PDB file of N, CA and C in Angstrom:
ATOM      1  N   UNK A   1      19.663  -4.567 -35.711  1.00  0.00           N
ATOM      2  CA  UNK A   1      20.136  -4.764 -34.341  1.00  0.00           C
ATOM      3  C   UNK A   1      18.943  -4.724 -33.383  1.00  0.00           C
ATOM      4  N   UNK A   2      18.958  -5.569 -32.397  1.00  0.00           N
ATOM      5  CA  UNK A   2      17.909  -5.628 -31.390  1.00  0.00           C
ATOM      6  C   UNK A   2      18.060  -4.474 -30.404  1.00  0.00           C
ATOM      7  N   UNK A   3      16.941  -3.917 -30.000  1.00  0.00           N
ATOM      8  CA  UNK A   3      16.978  -2.854 -28.989  1.00  0.00           C
ATOM      9  C   UNK A   3      17.421  -3.423 -27.651  1.00  0.00           C
ATOM     10  N   UNK A   4      18.378  -2.786 -26.990  1.00  0.00           N
ATOM     11  CA  UNK A   4      18.792  -3.256 -25.663  1.00  0.00           C
ATOM     12  C   UNK A   4      17.634  -3.148 -24.672  1.00  0.00           C
ATOM     13  N   UNK A   5      17.532  -4.140 -23.820  1.00  0.00           N
ATOM     14  CA  UNK A   5      16.513  -4.146 -22.779  1.00  0.00           C
ATOM     15  C   UNK A   5      17.222  -4.226 -21.430  1.00  0.00           C
ATOM     16  N   UNK A   6      17.002  -3.235 -20.603  1.00  0.00           N
ATOM     17  CA  UNK A   6      17.532  -3.226 -19.245  1.00  0.00           C
ATOM     18  C   UNK A   6      16.355  -3.380 -18.295  1.00  0.00           C
ATOM     19  N   UNK A   7      16.631  -3.773 -17.060  1.00  0.00           N
ATOM     20  CA  UNK A   7      15.537  -3.945 -16.125  1.00  0.00           C
ATOM     21  C   UNK A   7      15.968  -3.544 -14.723  1.00  0.00           C
ATOM     22  N   UNK A   8      14.952  -3.196 -13.964  1.00  0.00           N
ATOM     23  CA  UNK A   8      15.112  -2.905 -12.551  1.00  0.00           C
ATOM     24  C   UNK A   8      14.170  -3.854 -11.837  1.00  0.00           C
ATOM     25  N   UNK A   9      14.687  -4.637 -10.900  1.00  0.00           N
ATOM     26  CA  UNK A   9      13.890  -5.711 -10.296  1.00  0.00           C
ATOM     27  C   UNK A   9      13.963  -5.665  -8.771  1.00  0.00           C
ATOM     28  N   UNK A  10      13.242  -4.728  -8.160  1.00  0.00           N
ATOM     29  CA  UNK A  10      13.264  -4.655  -6.701  1.00  0.00           C
ATOM     30  C   UNK A  10      12.392  -5.724  -6.055  1.00  0.00           C
ATOM     31  N   UNK A  11      12.781  -6.128  -4.859  1.00  0.00           N
ATOM     32  CA  UNK A  11      11.921  -6.962  -4.014  1.00  0.00           C
ATOM     33  C   UNK A  11      11.084  -5.997  -3.194  1.00  0.00           C
ATOM     34  N   UNK A  12       9.781  -6.004  -3.349  1.00  0.00           N
ATOM     35  CA  UNK A  12       8.946  -5.023  -2.659  1.00  0.00           C
ATOM     36  C   UNK A  12       8.714  -5.380  -1.195  1.00  0.00           C
ATOM     37  N   UNK A  13       9.774  -5.233  -0.398  1.00  0.00           N
ATOM     38  CA  UNK A  13       9.661  -5.527   1.028  1.00  0.00           C
ATOM     39  C   UNK A  13       9.733  -4.250   1.856  1.00  0.00           C
ATOM     40  N   UNK A  14       9.505  -3.130   1.209  1.00  0.00           N
ATOM     41  CA  UNK A  14       9.524  -1.818   1.842  1.00  0.00           C
ATOM     42  C   UNK A  14       9.702  -0.756   0.773  1.00  0.00           C
ATOM     43  N   UNK A  15       9.874   0.472   1.197  1.00  0.00           N
ATOM     44  CA  UNK A  15      10.071   1.564   0.250  1.00  0.00           C
ATOM     45  C   UNK A  15      11.470   1.462  -0.353  1.00  0.00           C
ATOM     46  N   UNK A  16      11.664   2.133  -1.472  1.00  0.00           N
ATOM     47  CA  UNK A  16      12.976   2.128  -2.112  1.00  0.00           C
ATOM     48  C   UNK A  16      13.981   2.883  -1.251  1.00  0.00           C
ATOM     49  N   UNK A  17      15.240   2.455  -1.320  1.00  0.00           N
ATOM     50  CA  UNK A  17      16.307   3.171  -0.642  1.00  0.00           C
ATOM     51  C   UNK A  17      17.188   3.834  -1.698  1.00  0.00           C
ATOM     52  N   UNK A  18      18.200   4.546  -1.273  1.00  0.00           N
ATOM     53  CA  UNK A  18      19.044   5.313  -2.187  1.00  0.00           C
ATOM     54  C   UNK A  18      19.693   4.435  -3.255  1.00  0.00           C
ATOM     55  N   UNK A  19      20.126   3.234  -2.871  1.00  0.00           N
ATOM     56  CA  UNK A  19      20.727   2.326  -3.851  1.00  0.00           C
ATOM     57  C   UNK A  19      19.739   1.903  -4.921  1.00  0.00           C
ATOM     58  N   UNK A  20      18.496   1.660  -4.520  1.00  0.00           N
ATOM     59  CA  UNK A  20      17.456   1.345  -5.502  1.00  0.00           C
ATOM     60  C   UNK A  20      17.270   2.512  -6.465  1.00  0.00           C
ATOM     61  N   UNK A  21      17.169   3.709  -5.914  1.00  0.00           N
ATOM     62  CA  UNK A  21      16.946   4.893  -6.743  1.00  0.00           C
ATOM     63  C   UNK A  21      18.080   5.048  -7.752  1.00  0.00           C
ATOM     64  N   UNK A  22      19.301   4.906  -7.285  1.00  0.00           N
ATOM     65  CA  UNK A  22      20.459   5.032  -8.176  1.00  0.00           C
ATOM     66  C   UNK A  22      20.397   3.983  -9.294  1.00  0.00           C
ATOM     67  N   UNK A  23      20.124   2.745  -8.925  1.00  0.00           N
ATOM     68  CA  UNK A  23      20.066   1.664  -9.904  1.00  0.00           C
ATOM     69  C   UNK A  23      18.980   1.908 -10.948  1.00  0.00           C
ATOM     70  N   UNK A  24      17.798   2.309 -10.504  1.00  0.00           N
ATOM     71  CA  UNK A  24      16.694   2.561 -11.431  1.00  0.00           C
ATOM     72  C   UNK A  24      17.018   3.722 -12.361  1.00  0.00           C
ATOM     73  N   UNK A  25      17.543   4.807 -11.805  1.00  0.00           N
ATOM     74  CA  UNK A  25      17.897   5.966 -12.632  1.00  0.00           C
ATOM     75  C   UNK A  25      19.012   5.632 -13.621  1.00  0.00           C
ATOM     76  N   UNK A  26      20.001   4.867 -13.174  1.00  0.00           N
ATOM     77  CA  UNK A  26      21.096   4.480 -14.052  1.00  0.00           C
ATOM     78  C   UNK A  26      20.593   3.600 -15.192  1.00  0.00           C
ATOM     79  N   UNK A  27      19.767   2.613 -14.881  1.00  0.00           N
ATOM     80  CA  UNK A  27      19.243   1.739 -15.926  1.00  0.00           C
ATOM     81  C   UNK A  27      18.413   2.517 -16.941  1.00  0.00           C
ATOM     82  N   UNK A  28      17.613   3.458 -16.466  1.00  0.00           N
ATOM     83  CA  UNK A  28      16.830   4.291 -17.371  1.00  0.00           C
ATOM     84  C   UNK A  28      17.743   5.122 -18.266  1.00  0.00           C
ATOM     85  N   UNK A  29      18.769   5.730 -17.687  1.00  0.00           N
ATOM     86  CA  UNK A  29      19.689   6.568 -18.463  1.00  0.00           C
ATOM     87  C   UNK A  29      20.449   5.748 -19.505  1.00  0.00           C
ATOM     88  N   UNK A  30      20.929   4.578 -19.118  1.00  0.00           N
ATOM     89  CA  UNK A  30      21.667   3.724 -20.057  1.00  0.00           C
ATOM     90  C   UNK A  30      20.744   3.244 -21.182  1.00  0.00           C
ATOM     91  N   UNK A  31      19.530   2.846 -20.824  1.00  0.00           N
ATOM     92  CA  UNK A  31      18.578   2.405 -21.850  1.00  0.00           C
ATOM     93  C   UNK A  31      18.316   3.529 -22.844  1.00  0.00           C
ATOM     94  N   UNK A  32      18.126   4.726 -22.360  1.00  0.00           N
ATOM     95  CA  UNK A  32      17.886   5.868 -23.260  1.00  0.00           C
ATOM     96  C   UNK A  32      19.102   6.124 -24.152  1.00  0.00           C
ATOM     97  N   UNK A  33      20.278   6.098 -23.553  1.00  0.00           N
ATOM     98  CA  UNK A  33      21.507   6.373 -24.314  1.00  0.00           C
ATOM     99  C   UNK A  33      21.718   5.340 -25.415  1.00  0.00           C
ATOM    100  N   UNK A  34      21.327   4.097 -25.157  1.00  0.00           N
ATOM    101  CA  UNK A  34      21.516   3.027 -26.129  1.00  0.00           C
ATOM    102  C   UNK A  34      20.320   2.858 -27.069  1.00  0.00           C
ATOM    103  N   UNK A  35      19.299   3.698 -26.894  1.00  0.00           N
ATOM    104  CA  UNK A  35      18.108   3.571 -27.723  1.00  0.00           C
ATOM    105  C   UNK A  35      17.270   2.366 -27.359  1.00  0.00           C
ATOM    106  N   UNK A  36      17.377   1.946 -26.117  1.00  0.00           N
ATOM    107  CA  UNK A  36      16.653   0.768 -25.664  1.00  0.00           C
ATOM    108  C   UNK A  36      15.502   1.123 -24.760  1.00  0.00           C
ATOM    109  N   UNK A  37      15.157   0.193 -23.936  1.00  0.00           N
ATOM    110  CA  UNK A  37      14.044   0.350 -23.010  1.00  0.00           C
ATOM    111  C   UNK A  37      14.423  -0.292 -21.684  1.00  0.00           C
ATOM    112  N   UNK A  38      13.853   0.229 -20.614  1.00  0.00           N
ATOM    113  CA  UNK A  38      14.055  -0.443 -19.325  1.00  0.00           C
ATOM    114  C   UNK A  38      12.707  -0.902 -18.811  1.00  0.00           C
ATOM    115  N   UNK A  39      12.732  -2.057 -18.211  1.00  0.00           N
ATOM    116  CA  UNK A  39      11.525  -2.700 -17.719  1.00  0.00           C
ATOM    117  C   UNK A  39      11.543  -2.772 -16.201  1.00  0.00           C
ATOM    118  N   UNK A  40      10.376  -2.700 -15.620  1.00  0.00           N
ATOM    119  CA  UNK A  40      10.220  -2.905 -14.182  1.00  0.00           C
ATOM    120  C   UNK A  40       9.752  -4.331 -13.972  1.00  0.00           C
ATOM    121  N   UNK A  41      10.503  -5.072 -13.167  1.00  0.00           N
ATOM    122  CA  UNK A  41      10.129  -6.447 -12.820  1.00  0.00           C
ATOM    123  C   UNK A  41       9.995  -6.510 -11.306  1.00  0.00           C
ATOM    124  N   UNK A  42       8.819  -6.844 -10.849  1.00  0.00           N
ATOM    125  CA  UNK A  42       8.547  -6.891  -9.410  1.00  0.00           C
ATOM    126  C   UNK A  42       8.870  -8.294  -8.895  1.00  0.00           C
ATOM    127  N   UNK A  43       9.843  -8.379  -8.006  1.00  0.00           N
ATOM    128  CA  UNK A  43      10.277  -9.656  -7.413  1.00  0.00           C
ATOM    129  C   UNK A  43       9.396  -9.961  -6.206  1.00  0.00           C
ATOM    130  N   UNK A  44       8.149 -10.299  -6.468  1.00  0.00           N
ATOM    131  CA  UNK A  44       7.167 -10.463  -5.404  1.00  0.00           C
ATOM    132  C   UNK A  44       6.923 -11.925  -5.040  1.00  0.00           C
ATOM    133  N   UNK A  45       7.986 -12.699  -4.956  1.00  0.00           N
ATOM    134  CA  UNK A  45       7.820 -14.123  -4.650  1.00  0.00           C
ATOM    135  C   UNK A  45       7.890 -14.421  -3.152  1.00  0.00           C
ATOM    136  N   UNK A  46       8.057 -13.412  -2.330  1.00  0.00           N
ATOM    137  CA  UNK A  46       7.990 -13.551  -0.875  1.00  0.00           C
ATOM    138  C   UNK A  46       6.623 -13.022  -0.443  1.00  0.00           C
ATOM    139  N   UNK A  47       5.634 -13.920  -0.298  1.00  0.00           N
ATOM    140  CA  UNK A  47       4.271 -13.451  -0.049  1.00  0.00           C
ATOM    141  C   UNK A  47       4.081 -12.753   1.294  1.00  0.00           C
ATOM    142  N   UNK A  48       4.999 -12.924   2.212  1.00  0.00           N
ATOM    143  CA  UNK A  48       4.865 -12.281   3.516  1.00  0.00           C
ATOM    144  C   UNK A  48       5.255 -10.805   3.429  1.00  0.00           C
ATOM    145  N   UNK A  49       6.381 -10.527   2.778  1.00  0.00           N
ATOM    146  CA  UNK A  49       6.871  -9.148   2.733  1.00  0.00           C
ATOM    147  C   UNK A  49       6.450  -8.394   1.480  1.00  0.00           C
ATOM    148  N   UNK A  50       6.152  -9.095   0.404  1.00  0.00           N
ATOM    149  CA  UNK A  50       5.780  -8.436  -0.853  1.00  0.00           C
ATOM    150  C   UNK A  50       4.289  -8.135  -0.857  1.00  0.00           C
ATOM    151  N   UNK A  51       3.908  -7.180  -0.053  1.00  0.00           N
ATOM    152  CA  UNK A  51       2.501  -6.827   0.070  1.00  0.00           C
ATOM    153  C   UNK A  51       2.086  -5.880  -1.055  1.00  0.00           C
ATOM    154  N   UNK A  52       0.789  -5.770  -1.262  1.00  0.00           N
ATOM    155  CA  UNK A  52       0.268  -4.840  -2.270  1.00  0.00           C
ATOM    156  C   UNK A  52       0.705  -3.413  -1.947  1.00  0.00           C
ATOM    157  N   UNK A  53       0.730  -3.064  -0.665  1.00  0.00           N
ATOM    158  CA  UNK A  53       1.156  -1.717  -0.266  1.00  0.00           C
ATOM    159  C   UNK A  53       2.625  -1.485  -0.605  1.00  0.00           C
ATOM    160  N   UNK A  54       3.468  -2.496  -0.407  1.00  0.00           N
ATOM    161  CA  UNK A  54       4.888  -2.341  -0.739  1.00  0.00           C
ATOM    162  C   UNK A  54       5.094  -2.237  -2.242  1.00  0.00           C
ATOM    163  N   UNK A  55       4.354  -3.026  -3.019  1.00  0.00           N
ATOM    164  CA  UNK A  55       4.454  -2.937  -4.486  1.00  0.00           C
ATOM    165  C   UNK A  55       4.028  -1.540  -4.936  1.00  0.00           C
ATOM    166  N   UNK A  56       2.914  -1.049  -4.414  1.00  0.00           N
ATOM    167  CA  UNK A  56       2.446   0.296  -4.765  1.00  0.00           C
ATOM    168  C   UNK A  56       3.473   1.343  -4.354  1.00  0.00           C
ATOM    169  N   UNK A  57       4.099   1.154  -3.196  1.00  0.00           N
ATOM    170  CA  UNK A  57       5.110   2.095  -2.730  1.00  0.00           C
ATOM    171  C   UNK A  57       6.309   2.158  -3.653  1.00  0.00           C
ATOM    172  N   UNK A  58       6.753   1.008  -4.153  1.00  0.00           N
ATOM    173  CA  UNK A  58       7.875   0.982  -5.097  1.00  0.00           C
ATOM    174  C   UNK A  58       7.514   1.786  -6.343  1.00  0.00           C
ATOM    175  N   UNK A  59       6.324   1.550  -6.863  1.00  0.00           N
ATOM    176  CA  UNK A  59       5.909   2.256  -8.080  1.00  0.00           C
ATOM    177  C   UNK A  59       5.743   3.755  -7.829  1.00  0.00           C
ATOM    178  N   UNK A  60       5.229   4.119  -6.663  1.00  0.00           N
ATOM    179  CA  UNK A  60       5.106   5.543  -6.309  1.00  0.00           C
ATOM    180  C   UNK A  60       6.483   6.194  -6.227  1.00  0.00           C
ATOM    181  N   UNK A  61       7.440   5.502  -5.595  1.00  0.00           N
ATOM    182  CA  UNK A  61       8.789   6.045  -5.472  1.00  0.00           C
ATOM    183  C   UNK A  61       9.440   6.231  -6.840  1.00  0.00           C
ATOM    184  N   UNK A  62       9.281   5.257  -7.715  1.00  0.00           N
ATOM    185  CA  UNK A  62       9.857   5.365  -9.061  1.00  0.00           C
ATOM    186  C   UNK A  62       9.219   6.509  -9.842  1.00  0.00           C
ATOM    187  N   UNK A  63       7.902   6.651  -9.718  1.00  0.00           N
ATOM    188  CA  UNK A  63       7.216   7.756 -10.400  1.00  0.00           C
ATOM    189  C   UNK A  63       7.695   9.095  -9.842  1.00  0.00           C
ATOM    190  N   UNK A  64       7.925   9.161  -8.517  1.00  0.00           N
ATOM    191  CA  UNK A  64       8.423  10.386  -7.900  1.00  0.00           C
ATOM    192  C   UNK A  64       9.790  10.764  -8.475  1.00  0.00           C
ATOM    193  N   UNK A  65      10.582   9.747  -8.820  1.00  0.00           N
ATOM    194  CA  UNK A  65      11.891   9.993  -9.443  1.00  0.00           C
ATOM    195  C   UNK A  65      11.758  10.438 -10.903  1.00  0.00           C
ATOM    196  N   UNK A  66      10.548  10.423 -11.428  1.00  0.00           N
ATOM    197  CA  UNK A  66      10.332  10.832 -12.812  1.00  0.00           C
ATOM    198  C   UNK A  66      10.461   9.702 -13.812  1.00  0.00           C
ATOM    199  N   UNK A  67      10.435   8.472 -13.327  1.00  0.00           N
ATOM    200  CA  UNK A  67      10.609   7.319 -14.202  1.00  0.00           C
ATOM    201  C   UNK A  67       9.262   6.776 -14.662  1.00  0.00           C
ATOM    202  N   UNK A  68       9.269   6.227 -15.855  1.00  0.00           N
ATOM    203  CA  UNK A  68       8.101   5.543 -16.406  1.00  0.00           C
ATOM    204  C   UNK A  68       8.605   4.263 -17.043  1.00  0.00           C
ATOM    205  N   UNK A  69       7.742   3.284 -17.167  1.00  0.00           N
ATOM    206  CA  UNK A  69       8.127   1.980 -17.694  1.00  0.00           C
ATOM    207  C   UNK A  69       6.948   1.428 -18.473  1.00  0.00           C
ATOM    208  N   UNK A  70       7.220   0.494 -19.372  1.00  0.00           N
ATOM    209  CA  UNK A  70       6.108  -0.140 -20.085  1.00  0.00           C
ATOM    210  C   UNK A  70       5.212  -0.884 -19.106  1.00  0.00           C
ATOM    211  N   UNK A  71       3.925  -0.701 -19.275  1.00  0.00           N
ATOM    212  CA  UNK A  71       2.942  -1.378 -18.420  1.00  0.00           C
ATOM    213  C   UNK A  71       2.453  -2.649 -19.079  1.00  0.00           C
ATOM    214  N   UNK A  72       2.086  -3.636 -18.355  1.00  0.00           N
ATOM    215  CA  UNK A  72       2.243  -3.733 -16.908  1.00  0.00           C
ATOM    216  C   UNK A  72       3.644  -4.226 -16.574  1.00  0.00           C
ATOM    217  N   UNK A  73       4.136  -3.922 -15.377  1.00  0.00           N
ATOM    218  CA  UNK A  73       5.426  -4.500 -14.987  1.00  0.00           C
ATOM    219  C   UNK A  73       5.277  -6.014 -14.830  1.00  0.00           C
ATOM    220  N   UNK A  74       6.374  -6.712 -15.059  1.00  0.00           N
ATOM    221  CA  UNK A  74       6.353  -8.171 -14.876  1.00  0.00           C
ATOM    222  C   UNK A  74       6.366  -8.469 -13.382  1.00  0.00           C
ATOM    223  N   UNK A  75       5.451  -9.298 -12.966  1.00  0.00           N
ATOM    224  CA  UNK A  75       5.377  -9.732 -11.567  1.00  0.00           C
ATOM    225  C   UNK A  75       5.824 -11.187 -11.529  1.00  0.00           C
ATOM    226  N   UNK A  76       6.912 -11.438 -10.845  1.00  0.00           N
ATOM    227  CA  UNK A  76       7.479 -12.780 -10.802  1.00  0.00           C
ATOM    228  C   UNK A  76       6.479 -13.807 -10.285  1.00  0.00           C
ATOM    229  N   UNK A  77       5.630 -13.415  -9.346  1.00  0.00           N
ATOM    230  CA  UNK A  77       4.672 -14.354  -8.762  1.00  0.00           C
ATOM    231  C   UNK A  77       3.682 -14.895  -9.797  1.00  0.00           C
ATOM    232  N   UNK A  78       3.528 -14.213 -10.902  1.00  0.00           N
ATOM    233  CA  UNK A  78       2.599 -14.658 -11.943  1.00  0.00           C
ATOM    234  C   UNK A  78       3.225 -15.671 -12.902  1.00  0.00           C
ATOM    235  N   UNK A  79       4.491 -16.019 -12.689  1.00  0.00           N
ATOM    236  CA  UNK A  79       5.211 -16.887 -13.624  1.00  0.00           C
ATOM    237  C   UNK A  79       5.811 -18.118 -12.953  1.00  0.00           C
ATOM    238  N   UNK A  80       5.284 -18.476 -11.775  1.00  0.00           N
ATOM    239  CA  UNK A  80       5.843 -19.608 -11.031  1.00  0.00           C
ATOM    240  C   UNK A  80       5.734 -20.917 -11.808  1.00  0.00           C
ATOM    241  N   UNK A  81       4.677 -21.108 -12.569  1.00  0.00           N
ATOM    242  CA  UNK A  81       4.532 -22.342 -13.353  1.00  0.00           C
ATOM    243  C   UNK A  81       5.657 -22.454 -14.380  1.00  0.00           C
ATOM    244  N   UNK A  82       6.044 -21.330 -14.983  1.00  0.00           N
ATOM    245  CA  UNK A  82       7.161 -21.341 -15.943  1.00  0.00           C
ATOM    246  C   UNK A  82       8.460 -21.742 -15.243  1.00  0.00           C
ATOM    247  N   UNK A  83       8.684 -21.220 -14.056  1.00  0.00           N
ATOM    248  CA  UNK A  83       9.910 -21.533 -13.325  1.00  0.00           C
ATOM    249  C   UNK A  83       9.940 -23.000 -12.908  1.00  0.00           C
ATOM    250  N   UNK A  84       8.788 -23.521 -12.472  1.00  0.00           N
ATOM    251  CA  UNK A  84       8.719 -24.939 -12.106  1.00  0.00           C
ATOM    252  C   UNK A  84       8.993 -25.819 -13.333  1.00  0.00           C
ATOM    253  N   UNK A  85       8.456 -25.441 -14.491  1.00  0.00           N
ATOM    254  CA  UNK A  85       8.683 -26.210 -15.722  1.00  0.00           C
ATOM    255  C   UNK A  85      10.158 -26.170 -16.102  1.00  0.00           C
ATOM    256  N   UNK A  86      10.784 -25.016 -15.971  1.00  0.00           N
ATOM    257  CA  UNK A  86      12.214 -24.910 -16.261  1.00  0.00           C
ATOM    258  C   UNK A  86      13.050 -25.752 -15.317  1.00  0.00           C
ATOM    259  N   UNK A  87      12.702 -25.738 -14.036  1.00  0.00           N
ATOM    260  CA  UNK A  87      13.408 -26.556 -13.053  1.00  0.00           C
ATOM    261  C   UNK A  87      13.227 -28.039 -13.364  1.00  0.00           C
ATOM    262  N   UNK A  88      12.035 -28.424 -13.794  1.00  0.00           N
ATOM    263  CA  UNK A  88      11.784 -29.835 -14.137  1.00  0.00           C
ATOM    264  C   UNK A  88      12.644 -30.258 -15.328  1.00  0.00           C
ATOM    265  N   UNK A  89      12.790 -29.371 -16.321  1.00  0.00           N
ATOM    266  CA  UNK A  89      13.648 -29.694 -17.472  1.00  0.00           C
ATOM    267  C   UNK A  89      15.105 -29.854 -17.036  1.00  0.00           C
ATOM    268  N   UNK A  90      15.568 -28.977 -16.169  1.00  0.00           N
ATOM    269  CA  UNK A  90      16.941 -29.078 -15.671  1.00  0.00           C
ATOM    270  C   UNK A  90      17.126 -30.354 -14.851  1.00  0.00           C
ATOM    271  N   UNK A  91      16.138 -30.683 -14.015  1.00  0.00           N
ATOM    272  CA  UNK A  91      16.217 -31.899 -13.200  1.00  0.00           C
ATOM    273  C   UNK A  91      16.281 -33.124 -14.105  1.00  0.00           C
ATOM    274  N   UNK A  92      15.431 -33.163 -15.132  1.00  0.00           N
ATOM    275  CA  UNK A  92      15.406 -34.309 -16.054  1.00  0.00           C
ATOM    276  C   UNK A  92      16.725 -34.464 -16.797  1.00  0.00           C
ATOM    277  N   UNK A  93      17.412 -33.349 -17.025  1.00  0.00           N
ATOM    278  CA  UNK A  93      18.695 -33.377 -17.729  1.00  0.00           C
ATOM    279  C   UNK A  93      19.861 -33.606 -16.766  1.00  0.00           C
ATOM    280  N   UNK A  94      19.579 -33.744 -15.472  1.00  0.00           N
ATOM    281  CA  UNK A  94      20.626 -33.953 -14.490  1.00  0.00           C
ATOM    282  C   UNK A  94      21.428 -32.690 -14.211  1.00  0.00           C
ATOM    283  N   UNK A  95      20.823 -31.527 -14.434  1.00  0.00           N
ATOM    284  CA  UNK A  95      21.529 -30.262 -14.294  1.00  0.00           C
ATOM    285  C   UNK A  95      21.021 -29.379 -13.146  1.00  0.00           C
ATOM    286  N   UNK A  96      20.155 -29.928 -12.315  1.00  0.00           N
ATOM    287  CA  UNK A  96      19.626 -29.178 -11.195  1.00  0.00           C
ATOM    288  C   UNK A  96      20.311 -29.665  -9.926  1.00  0.00           C
ATOM    289  N   UNK A  97      20.897 -28.723  -9.203  1.00  0.00           N
ATOM    290  CA  UNK A  97      21.658 -29.074  -8.013  1.00  0.00           C
ATOM    291  C   UNK A  97      21.141 -28.270  -6.825  1.00  0.00           C
ATOM    292  N   UNK A  98      21.180 -28.856  -5.627  1.00  0.00           N
ATOM    293  CA  UNK A  98      20.735 -28.099  -4.447  1.00  0.00           C
ATOM    294  C   UNK A  98      21.730 -27.001  -4.096  1.00  0.00           C
ATOM    295  N   UNK A  99      21.218 -25.952  -3.532  1.00  0.00           N
ATOM    296  CA  UNK A  99      22.049 -24.840  -3.081  1.00  0.00           C
ATOM    297  C   UNK A  99      21.828 -24.696  -1.591  1.00  0.00           C
ATOM    298  N   UNK A 100      22.915 -24.698  -0.824  1.00  0.00           N
ATOM    299  CA  UNK A 100      22.815 -24.597   0.612  1.00  0.00           C
ATOM    300  C   UNK A 100      23.445 -23.308   1.094  1.00  0.00           C
TER     301      UNK A 100
END
């Protein structure tokens, strides 16, 4: 059986709030209970608000909660080429639609 993988994916546009803390703690607890792992994924695709200070703040807040995650966390901004390639495949297949 494959180990369950859970993730916490905040947008680093400020410090974590109570809902973030609850979600991160819950995902960690469920991953542990299931013998899995939880991953931190940084949703840093908004270059204006996703500053280095905000990313560091998210990680500091999570560490303060006593959480640890496999390093390095996945940073969405580092995978834009993959997303563009996926969108191109969907477009070529006639499966990409605009969202308004």
